[in-house]
Protein backbone atom coordinates (compact mmCIF):
# COMPACT_ATOMS: atom_id res chain seq x y z
CA UNK A 1 -0.14 0.37 -0.13
CA UNK A 2 1.77 2.97 -1.04
CA UNK A 3 -0.02 7.09 -0.76
CA UNK A 4 0.96 9.48 -3.39
CA UNK A 5 0.74 13.35 -3.52
CA UNK A 6 -1.86 15.50 -4.24
CA UNK A 7 -1.13 16.16 -8.02
CA UNK A 8 -2.09 15.81 -11.04
CA UNK A 9 -0.04 12.83 -12.90
CA UNK A 10 0.76 10.72 -9.35
CA UNK A 11 -0.78 7.86 -9.79
CA UNK A 12 0.13 7.15 -12.97
CA UNK A 13 3.89 7.54 -12.14
CA UNK A 14 3.46 4.88 -9.63
CA UNK A 15 1.48 2.52 -11.21
CA UNK A 16 3.90 2.84 -14.89
CA UNK A 17 6.18 1.22 -13.37
CA UNK A 18 3.96 -1.85 -13.14
CA UNK A 19 2.83 -1.24 -16.71
CA UNK A 20 6.50 -0.54 -18.10
CA UNK A 21 7.79 -3.94 -16.73
CA UNK A 22 4.47 -6.42 -18.19
CA UNK A 23 3.25 -6.63 -14.35
CA UNK A 24 -0.55 -7.71 -14.21
CA UNK A 25 -2.53 -5.31 -11.96
CA UNK A 26 -5.83 -7.72 -11.35
CA UNK A 27 -6.99 -4.84 -8.57
CA UNK A 28 -6.15 -1.74 -7.09
CA UNK A 29 -8.14 -0.24 -3.93
CA UNK A 30 -8.01 3.17 -2.80
CA UNK A 31 -8.85 4.50 0.92
CA UNK A 32 -9.14 7.33 3.15
CA UNK A 33 -6.64 7.44 6.11
CA UNK A 34 -7.95 8.33 9.54
CA UNK A 35 -8.04 11.90 9.99
CA UNK A 36 -6.59 12.91 6.56
CA UNK A 37 -10.07 14.07 4.26
CA UNK A 38 -8.46 14.62 0.63
CA UNK A 39 -5.70 11.70 0.98
CA UNK A 40 -5.96 8.44 0.15
CA UNK A 41 -4.03 5.42 0.55
CA UNK A 42 -4.15 2.75 -2.68
CA UNK A 43 -3.66 -1.19 -2.30
CA UNK A 44 -2.71 -3.39 -5.54
CA UNK A 45 -2.88 -6.88 -5.92
CA UNK A 46 -0.41 -8.25 -8.31
CA UNK A 47 -0.78 -11.10 -10.76
CA UNK A 48 2.87 -12.81 -10.15
CA UNK A 49 5.20 -14.06 -7.03
CA UNK A 50 6.77 -11.25 -5.47
CA UNK A 51 10.45 -12.75 -6.02
CA UNK A 52 10.02 -12.26 -10.06
CA UNK A 53 12.83 -10.34 -11.21
CA UNK A 54 10.40 -7.88 -13.21
CA UNK A 55 8.52 -7.33 -9.80
CA UNK A 56 10.69 -6.69 -7.59
CA UNK A 57 12.08 -4.05 -9.92
CA UNK A 58 8.51 -2.30 -10.43
CA UNK A 59 8.31 -1.73 -5.88
CA UNK A 60 11.60 -0.83 -6.06
CA UNK A 61 10.59 2.19 -8.46
CA UNK A 62 7.81 2.44 -6.67
CA UNK A 63 10.16 3.05 -3.35
CA UNK A 64 12.11 5.84 -5.13
CA UNK A 65 9.17 7.46 -6.60
CA UNK A 66 7.01 8.23 -3.68
CA UNK A 67 8.39 8.53 -0.17
CA UNK A 68 4.96 7.71 1.63
CA UNK A 69 5.30 4.00 0.76
CA UNK A 70 2.98 2.54 3.44
CA UNK A 71 4.58 -0.76 3.41
CA UNK A 72 4.89 -3.49 0.29
CA UNK A 73 4.64 -6.84 1.43
CA UNK A 74 3.90 -10.27 0.01
CA UNK A 75 0.17 -11.38 1.80
CA UNK A 76 -0.67 -14.33 -0.13
CA UNK A 77 0.50 -15.82 -3.13
CA UNK A 78 -1.83 -18.08 -5.75
CA UNK A 79 -1.10 -19.31 -9.11
CA UNK A 80 -1.76 -17.57 -12.32
CA UNK A 81 -5.10 -18.42 -13.55
CA UNK A 82 -4.84 -21.48 -15.62
CA UNK A 83 -1.96 -23.21 -13.74
CA UNK A 84 -2.21 -26.18 -11.54
CA UNK A 85 -0.97 -26.26 -8.01
CA UNK A 86 1.67 -28.83 -7.00
CA UNK A 87 0.81 -31.15 -4.05
C-alpha cells in the first residue's frame, strides 16, 4: 500500500512502473486514512510472485517514486489463472 502526492499524474507515475515491466495488476483500491480528508492510501493486487525480477524492480521503482510508501508485503500468493498447484 502507498500514498501519492495530491497532484495531477502522481498515481500514473506510480502505476507506470508496473505497466512498463509487464506486471499485471488485478485490483486497485483506494481508502481514505483516518483523520486525513482528501488523502488516499492505495492497495494493489499483483498477478505474479513477489520474487520475480520484474515485480521486484517495479516495487523498488515505486519506493523511489514515492517517499510515502507504507508497505510492500507479500500478503499471499496464488498460481496464475490456468496453472495448477503442485502438491
